[in-house]
Amino acid sequence: MEVKIGVQHAPREIVLESGQSAEEVERVVADALAGKSQLLSLVDEHGRKVLVPADRLAYIEIGEPAPRKVGFGAL
């Protein structure tokens, strides 16, 4: 699942591929914005943890899970 995170006062967004479901990502984001935690914490497919201060979040874009492409055929 592709997740894009916009951070205030940062020129680029953070893009990561997460193994979490859309519902899990949405729950973690909602908890951070509600003040239950001061950091938004997500883990990508490689096990790296991304931490963003909750008060600096501009937007979160949760993408659809994309099927893996196999082969070299034309689309």
PDB file of N, CA and C in Angstrom:
ATOM      1  N   MET A   1       0.851  -1.157   0.000  1.00  0.00           N
ATOM      2  CA  MET A   1       0.000   0.000   0.000  1.00  0.00           C
ATOM      3  C   MET A   1       0.904   1.230   0.000  1.00  0.00           C
ATOM      4  N   GLU A   2       0.671   2.126  -0.950  1.00  0.00           N
ATOM      5  CA  GLU A   2       1.464   3.350  -1.025  1.00  0.00           C
ATOM      6  C   GLU A   2       0.853   4.412  -0.115  1.00  0.00           C
ATOM      7  N   VAL A   3       1.701   5.030   0.695  1.00  0.00           N
ATOM      8  CA  VAL A   3       1.269   6.095   1.601  1.00  0.00           C
ATOM      9  C   VAL A   3       2.128   7.326   1.309  1.00  0.00           C
ATOM     10  N   LYS A   4       1.466   8.468   1.071  1.00  0.00           N
ATOM     11  CA  LYS A   4       2.165   9.738   0.865  1.00  0.00           C
ATOM     12  C   LYS A   4       1.850  10.631   2.054  1.00  0.00           C
ATOM     13  N   ILE A   5       2.899  11.215   2.631  1.00  0.00           N
ATOM     14  CA  ILE A   5       2.751  12.060   3.806  1.00  0.00           C
ATOM     15  C   ILE A   5       3.269  13.449   3.470  1.00  0.00           C
ATOM     16  N   GLY A   6       2.402  14.430   3.570  1.00  0.00           N
ATOM     17  CA  GLY A   6       2.798  15.820   3.386  1.00  0.00           C
ATOM     18  C   GLY A   6       3.155  16.417   4.733  1.00  0.00           C
ATOM     19  N   VAL A   7       4.292  17.062   4.809  1.00  0.00           N
ATOM     20  CA  VAL A   7       4.779  17.653   6.050  1.00  0.00           C
ATOM     21  C   VAL A   7       4.852  19.161   5.867  1.00  0.00           C
ATOM     22  N   GLN A   8       4.341  19.900   6.850  1.00  0.00           N
ATOM     23  CA  GLN A   8       4.379  21.363   6.786  1.00  0.00           C
ATOM     24  C   GLN A   8       5.816  21.851   6.720  1.00  0.00           C
ATOM     25  N   HIS A   9       6.049  22.874   5.919  1.00  0.00           N
ATOM     26  CA  HIS A   9       7.353  23.532   5.773  1.00  0.00           C
ATOM     27  C   HIS A   9       8.422  22.593   5.197  1.00  0.00           C
ATOM     28  N   ALA A  10       8.004  21.537   4.506  1.00  0.00           N
ATOM     29  CA  ALA A  10       8.936  20.634   3.824  1.00  0.00           C
ATOM     30  C   ALA A  10       8.611  20.675   2.336  1.00  0.00           C
ATOM     31  N   PRO A  11       9.610  20.833   1.477  1.00  0.00           N
ATOM     32  CA  PRO A  11       9.337  20.978   0.052  1.00  0.00           C
ATOM     33  C   PRO A  11       8.867  19.688  -0.629  1.00  0.00           C
ATOM     34  N   ARG A  12       9.171  18.535  -0.056  1.00  0.00           N
ATOM     35  CA  ARG A  12       8.797  17.271  -0.680  1.00  0.00           C
ATOM     36  C   ARG A  12       7.958  16.442   0.270  1.00  0.00           C
ATOM     37  N   GLU A  13       7.143  15.576  -0.309  1.00  0.00           N
ATOM     38  CA  GLU A  13       6.349  14.664   0.502  1.00  0.00           C
ATOM     39  C   GLU A  13       7.144  13.391   0.764  1.00  0.00           C
ATOM     40  N   ILE A  14       6.752  12.660   1.787  1.00  0.00           N
ATOM     41  CA  ILE A  14       7.359  11.374   2.110  1.00  0.00           C
ATOM     42  C   ILE A  14       6.487  10.304   1.470  1.00  0.00           C
ATOM     43  N   VAL A  15       7.096   9.414   0.688  1.00  0.00           N
ATOM     44  CA  VAL A  15       6.366   8.340   0.028  1.00  0.00           C
ATOM     45  C   VAL A  15       6.954   7.020   0.508  1.00  0.00           C
ATOM     46  N   LEU A  16       6.077   6.112   0.969  1.00  0.00           N
ATOM     47  CA  LEU A  16       6.552   4.812   1.392  1.00  0.00           C
ATOM     48  C   LEU A  16       5.551   3.735   1.023  1.00  0.00           C
ATOM     49  N   GLU A  17       6.066   2.529   0.837  1.00  0.00           N
ATOM     50  CA  GLU A  17       5.232   1.352   0.596  1.00  0.00           C
ATOM     51  C   GLU A  17       5.103   0.637   1.928  1.00  0.00           C
ATOM     52  N   SER A  18       3.879   0.534   2.412  1.00  0.00           N
ATOM     53  CA  SER A  18       3.635  -0.070   3.710  1.00  0.00           C
ATOM     54  C   SER A  18       2.933  -1.406   3.549  1.00  0.00           C
ATOM     55  N   GLY A  19       3.259  -2.355   4.409  1.00  0.00           N
ATOM     56  CA  GLY A  19       2.587  -3.640   4.427  1.00  0.00           C
ATOM     57  C   GLY A  19       1.301  -3.598   5.228  1.00  0.00           C
ATOM     58  N   GLN A  20       1.024  -2.470   5.886  1.00  0.00           N
ATOM     59  CA  GLN A  20      -0.180  -2.324   6.685  1.00  0.00           C
ATOM     60  C   GLN A  20      -1.390  -2.107   5.776  1.00  0.00           C
ATOM     61  N   SER A  21      -2.553  -2.459   6.276  1.00  0.00           N
ATOM     62  CA  SER A  21      -3.780  -2.239   5.504  1.00  0.00           C
ATOM     63  C   SER A  21      -4.170  -0.763   5.581  1.00  0.00           C
ATOM     64  N   ALA A  22      -5.085  -0.356   4.708  1.00  0.00           N
ATOM     65  CA  ALA A  22      -5.554   1.031   4.697  1.00  0.00           C
ATOM     66  C   ALA A  22      -6.225   1.384   6.015  1.00  0.00           C
ATOM     67  N   GLU A  23      -6.958   0.437   6.594  1.00  0.00           N
ATOM     68  CA  GLU A  23      -7.636   0.679   7.867  1.00  0.00           C
ATOM     69  C   GLU A  23      -6.629   0.891   9.003  1.00  0.00           C
ATOM     70  N   GLU A  24      -5.542   0.118   9.008  1.00  0.00           N
ATOM     71  CA  GLU A  24      -4.508   0.279  10.040  1.00  0.00           C
ATOM     72  C   GLU A  24      -3.829   1.637   9.918  1.00  0.00           C
ATOM     73  N   VAL A  25      -3.490   2.028   8.700  1.00  0.00           N
ATOM     74  CA  VAL A  25      -2.840   3.329   8.482  1.00  0.00           C
ATOM     75  C   VAL A  25      -3.780   4.447   8.908  1.00  0.00           C
ATOM     76  N   GLU A  26      -5.045   4.341   8.528  1.00  0.00           N
ATOM     77  CA  GLU A  26      -6.015   5.368   8.896  1.00  0.00           C
ATOM     78  C   GLU A  26      -6.186   5.469  10.409  1.00  0.00           C
ATOM     79  N   ARG A  27      -6.177   4.349  11.104  1.00  0.00           N
ATOM     80  CA  ARG A  27      -6.308   4.349  12.565  1.00  0.00           C
ATOM     81  C   ARG A  27      -5.104   5.021  13.228  1.00  0.00           C
ATOM     82  N   VAL A  28      -3.895   4.714  12.741  1.00  0.00           N
ATOM     83  CA  VAL A  28      -2.679   5.305  13.300  1.00  0.00           C
ATOM     84  C   VAL A  28      -2.665   6.818  13.072  1.00  0.00           C
ATOM     85  N   VAL A  29      -3.084   7.251  11.880  1.00  0.00           N
ATOM     86  CA  VAL A  29      -3.132   8.676  11.574  1.00  0.00           C
ATOM     87  C   VAL A  29      -4.170   9.374  12.452  1.00  0.00           C
ATOM     88  N   ALA A  30      -5.344   8.764  12.599  1.00  0.00           N
ATOM     89  CA  ALA A  30      -6.393   9.353  13.433  1.00  0.00           C
ATOM     90  C   ALA A  30      -5.945   9.471  14.881  1.00  0.00           C
ATOM     91  N   ASP A  31      -5.238   8.471  15.395  1.00  0.00           N
ATOM     92  CA  ASP A  31      -4.726   8.536  16.768  1.00  0.00           C
ATOM     93  C   ASP A  31      -3.722   9.670  16.930  1.00  0.00           C
ATOM     94  N   ALA A  32      -2.856   9.857  15.929  1.00  0.00           N
ATOM     95  CA  ALA A  32      -1.860  10.929  16.011  1.00  0.00           C
ATOM     96  C   ALA A  32      -2.532  12.295  15.957  1.00  0.00           C
ATOM     97  N   LEU A  33      -3.534  12.450  15.087  1.00  0.00           N
ATOM     98  CA  LEU A  33      -4.209  13.742  14.974  1.00  0.00           C
ATOM     99  C   LEU A  33      -5.106  14.031  16.167  1.00  0.00           C
ATOM    100  N   ALA A  34      -5.590  12.989  16.843  1.00  0.00           N
ATOM    101  CA  ALA A  34      -6.448  13.182  18.016  1.00  0.00           C
ATOM    102  C   ALA A  34      -5.632  13.499  19.268  1.00  0.00           C
ATOM    103  N   GLY A  35      -4.308  13.402  19.170  1.00  0.00           N
ATOM    104  CA  GLY A  35      -3.462  13.728  20.306  1.00  0.00           C
ATOM    105  C   GLY A  35      -3.137  12.542  21.192  1.00  0.00           C
ATOM    106  N   LYS A  36      -3.500  11.333  20.760  1.00  0.00           N
ATOM    107  CA  LYS A  36      -3.188  10.143  21.559  1.00  0.00           C
ATOM    108  C   LYS A  36      -1.699   9.830  21.531  1.00  0.00           C
ATOM    109  N   SER A  37      -1.027  10.248  20.455  1.00  0.00           N
ATOM    110  CA  SER A  37       0.429  10.127  20.378  1.00  0.00           C
ATOM    111  C   SER A  37       0.959  11.374  19.687  1.00  0.00           C
ATOM    112  N   GLN A  38       2.174  11.760  20.021  1.00  0.00           N
ATOM    113  CA  GLN A  38       2.753  12.975  19.448  1.00  0.00           C
ATOM    114  C   GLN A  38       3.447  12.710  18.125  1.00  0.00           C
ATOM    115  N   LEU A  39       3.658  11.425  17.804  1.00  0.00           N
ATOM    116  CA  LEU A  39       4.327  11.051  16.562  1.00  0.00           C
ATOM    117  C   LEU A  39       3.448  10.131  15.729  1.00  0.00           C
ATOM    118  N   LEU A  40       3.476  10.339  14.413  1.00  0.00           N
ATOM    119  CA  LEU A  40       2.893   9.383  13.487  1.00  0.00           C
ATOM    120  C   LEU A  40       3.994   8.390  13.174  1.00  0.00           C
ATOM    121  N   SER A  41       3.757   7.127  13.424  1.00  0.00           N
ATOM    122  CA  SER A  41       4.760   6.092  13.231  1.00  0.00           C
ATOM    123  C   SER A  41       4.229   5.049  12.258  1.00  0.00           C
ATOM    124  N   LEU A  42       4.913   4.899  11.113  1.00  0.00           N
ATOM    125  CA  LEU A  42       4.556   3.893  10.114  1.00  0.00           C
ATOM    126  C   LEU A  42       5.797   3.077   9.778  1.00  0.00           C
ATOM    127  N   VAL A  43       5.589   1.826   9.387  1.00  0.00           N
ATOM    128  CA  VAL A  43       6.687   0.928   9.022  1.00  0.00           C
ATOM    129  C   VAL A  43       6.530   0.574   7.550  1.00  0.00           C
ATOM    130  N   ASP A  44       7.642   0.691   6.781  1.00  0.00           N
ATOM    131  CA  ASP A  44       7.568   0.358   5.362  1.00  0.00           C
ATOM    132  C   ASP A  44       7.803  -1.135   5.155  1.00  0.00           C
ATOM    133  N   GLU A  45       7.774  -1.562   3.880  1.00  0.00           N
ATOM    134  CA  GLU A  45       7.908  -2.980   3.550  1.00  0.00           C
ATOM    135  C   GLU A  45       9.269  -3.558   3.922  1.00  0.00           C
ATOM    136  N   HIS A  46      10.270  -2.713   4.075  1.00  0.00           N
ATOM    137  CA  HIS A  46      11.618  -3.171   4.401  1.00  0.00           C
ATOM    138  C   HIS A  46      11.893  -3.134   5.898  1.00  0.00           C
ATOM    139  N   GLY A  47      10.891  -2.808   6.690  1.00  0.00           N
ATOM    140  CA  GLY A  47      11.043  -2.774   8.140  1.00  0.00           C
ATOM    141  C   GLY A  47      11.550  -1.456   8.689  1.00  0.00           C
ATOM    142  N   ARG A  48      11.734  -0.453   7.830  1.00  0.00           N
ATOM    143  CA  ARG A  48      12.189   0.860   8.304  1.00  0.00           C
ATOM    144  C   ARG A  48      11.014   1.615   8.893  1.00  0.00           C
ATOM    145  N   LYS A  49      11.252   2.310   9.976  1.00  0.00           N
ATOM    146  CA  LYS A  49      10.205   3.062  10.655  1.00  0.00           C
ATOM    147  C   LYS A  49      10.304   4.530  10.275  1.00  0.00           C
ATOM    148  N   VAL A  50       9.160   5.124   9.927  1.00  0.00           N
ATOM    149  CA  VAL A  50       9.078   6.542   9.581  1.00  0.00           C
ATOM    150  C   VAL A  50       8.305   7.235  10.697  1.00  0.00           C
ATOM    151  N   LEU A  51       8.924   8.250  11.287  1.00  0.00           N
ATOM    152  CA  LEU A  51       8.305   9.001  12.372  1.00  0.00           C
ATOM    153  C   LEU A  51       8.131  10.451  11.934  1.00  0.00           C
ATOM    154  N   VAL A  52       6.910  10.970  12.094  1.00  0.00           N
ATOM    155  CA  VAL A  52       6.616  12.357  11.736  1.00  0.00           C
ATOM    156  C   VAL A  52       5.873  12.982  12.912  1.00  0.00           C
ATOM    157  N   PRO A  53       6.301  14.163  13.375  1.00  0.00           N
ATOM    158  CA  PRO A  53       5.551  14.831  14.450  1.00  0.00           C
ATOM    159  C   PRO A  53       4.108  15.094  14.007  1.00  0.00           C
ATOM    160  N   ALA A  54       3.157  14.728  14.837  1.00  0.00           N
ATOM    161  CA  ALA A  54       1.741  14.848  14.487  1.00  0.00           C
ATOM    162  C   ALA A  54       1.325  16.295  14.222  1.00  0.00           C
ATOM    163  N   ASP A  55       1.943  17.248  14.907  1.00  0.00           N
ATOM    164  CA  ASP A  55       1.554  18.645  14.704  1.00  0.00           C
ATOM    165  C   ASP A  55       2.116  19.238  13.408  1.00  0.00           C
ATOM    166  N   ARG A  56       2.948  18.490  12.678  1.00  0.00           N
ATOM    167  CA  ARG A  56       3.518  18.960  11.411  1.00  0.00           C
ATOM    168  C   ARG A  56       2.869  18.301  10.198  1.00  0.00           C
ATOM    169  N   LEU A  57       1.870  17.447  10.393  1.00  0.00           N
ATOM    170  CA  LEU A  57       1.223  16.766   9.279  1.00  0.00           C
ATOM    171  C   LEU A  57       0.386  17.747   8.473  1.00  0.00           C
ATOM    172  N   ALA A  58       0.582  17.746   7.161  1.00  0.00           N
ATOM    173  CA  ALA A  58      -0.230  18.573   6.278  1.00  0.00           C
ATOM    174  C   ALA A  58      -1.335  17.724   5.656  1.00  0.00           C
ATOM    175  N   TYR A  59      -0.981  16.531   5.159  1.00  0.00           N
ATOM    176  CA  TYR A  59      -1.967  15.617   4.580  1.00  0.00           C
ATOM    177  C   TYR A  59      -1.394  14.214   4.528  1.00  0.00           C
ATOM    178  N   ILE A  60      -2.281  13.240   4.424  1.00  0.00           N
ATOM    179  CA  ILE A  60      -1.916  11.835   4.244  1.00  0.00           C
ATOM    180  C   ILE A  60      -2.733  11.313   3.073  1.00  0.00           C
ATOM    181  N   GLU A  61      -2.069  10.690   2.120  1.00  0.00           N
ATOM    182  CA  GLU A  61      -2.756  10.087   0.981  1.00  0.00           C
ATOM    183  C   GLU A  61      -2.508   8.585   1.039  1.00  0.00           C
ATOM    184  N   ILE A  62      -3.593   7.829   1.160  1.00  0.00           N
ATOM    185  CA  ILE A  62      -3.497   6.372   1.250  1.00  0.00           C
ATOM    186  C   ILE A  62      -3.934   5.811  -0.094  1.00  0.00           C
ATOM    187  N   GLY A  63      -3.018   5.101  -0.771  1.00  0.00           N
ATOM    188  CA  GLY A  63      -3.308   4.565  -2.095  1.00  0.00           C
ATOM    189  C   GLY A  63      -3.886   3.168  -2.031  1.00  0.00           C
ATOM    190  N   GLU A  64      -4.383   2.738  -3.161  1.00  0.00           N
ATOM    191  CA  GLU A  64      -4.906   1.385  -3.297  1.00  0.00           C
ATOM    192  C   GLU A  64      -3.743   0.407  -3.386  1.00  0.00           C
ATOM    193  N   PRO A  65      -3.918  -0.792  -2.841  1.00  0.00           N
ATOM    194  CA  PRO A  65      -2.870  -1.788  -3.016  1.00  0.00           C
ATOM    195  C   PRO A  65      -2.767  -2.174  -4.487  1.00  0.00           C
ATOM    196  N   ALA A  66      -1.579  -2.075  -5.030  1.00  0.00           N
ATOM    197  CA  ALA A  66      -1.376  -2.372  -6.448  1.00  0.00           C
ATOM    198  C   ALA A  66      -0.861  -3.799  -6.602  1.00  0.00           C
ATOM    199  N   PRO A  67      -1.425  -4.558  -7.539  1.00  0.00           N
ATOM    200  CA  PRO A  67      -0.914  -5.916  -7.759  1.00  0.00           C
ATOM    201  C   PRO A  67       0.486  -5.847  -8.351  1.00  0.00           C
ATOM    202  N   ARG A  68       1.295  -6.820  -8.010  1.00  0.00           N
ATOM    203  CA  ARG A  68       2.659  -6.872  -8.543  1.00  0.00           C
ATOM    204  C   ARG A  68       2.620  -7.189 -10.027  1.00  0.00           C
ATOM    205  N   LYS A  69       3.445  -6.498 -10.790  1.00  0.00           N
ATOM    206  CA  LYS A  69       3.531  -6.750 -12.220  1.00  0.00           C
ATOM    207  C   LYS A  69       4.630  -7.758 -12.470  1.00  0.00           C
ATOM    208  N   VAL A  70       4.348  -8.723 -13.321  1.00  0.00           N
ATOM    209  CA  VAL A  70       5.318  -9.765 -13.641  1.00  0.00           C
ATOM    210  C   VAL A  70       5.479  -9.826 -15.146  1.00  0.00           C
ATOM    211  N   GLY A  71       6.702  -9.942 -15.610  1.00  0.00           N
ATOM    212  CA  GLY A  71       6.935 -10.091 -17.032  1.00  0.00           C
ATOM    213  C   GLY A  71       7.328  -8.789 -17.690  1.00  0.00           C
ATOM    214  N   PHE A  72       7.514  -8.883 -18.989  1.00  0.00           N
ATOM    215  CA  PHE A  72       7.980  -7.740 -19.761  1.00  0.00           C
ATOM    216  C   PHE A  72       6.995  -7.331 -20.850  1.00  0.00           C
ATOM    217  N   GLY A  73       5.770  -7.792 -20.783  1.00  0.00           N
ATOM    218  CA  GLY A  73       4.773  -7.502 -21.809  1.00  0.00           C
ATOM    219  C   GLY A  73       4.329  -6.048 -21.790  1.00  0.00           C
ATOM    220  N   ALA A  74       3.791  -5.612 -22.926  1.00  0.00           N
ATOM    221  CA  ALA A  74       3.269  -4.244 -23.022  1.00  0.00           C
ATOM    222  C   ALA A  74       1.947  -4.152 -22.292  1.00  0.00           C
ATOM    223  N   LEU A  75       1.683  -2.969 -21.744  1.00  0.00           N
ATOM    224  CA  LEU A  75       0.429  -2.759 -21.028  1.00  0.00           C
ATOM    225  C   LEU A  75      -0.657  -2.293 -21.946  1.00  0.00           C
TER     226      LEU A  75
END
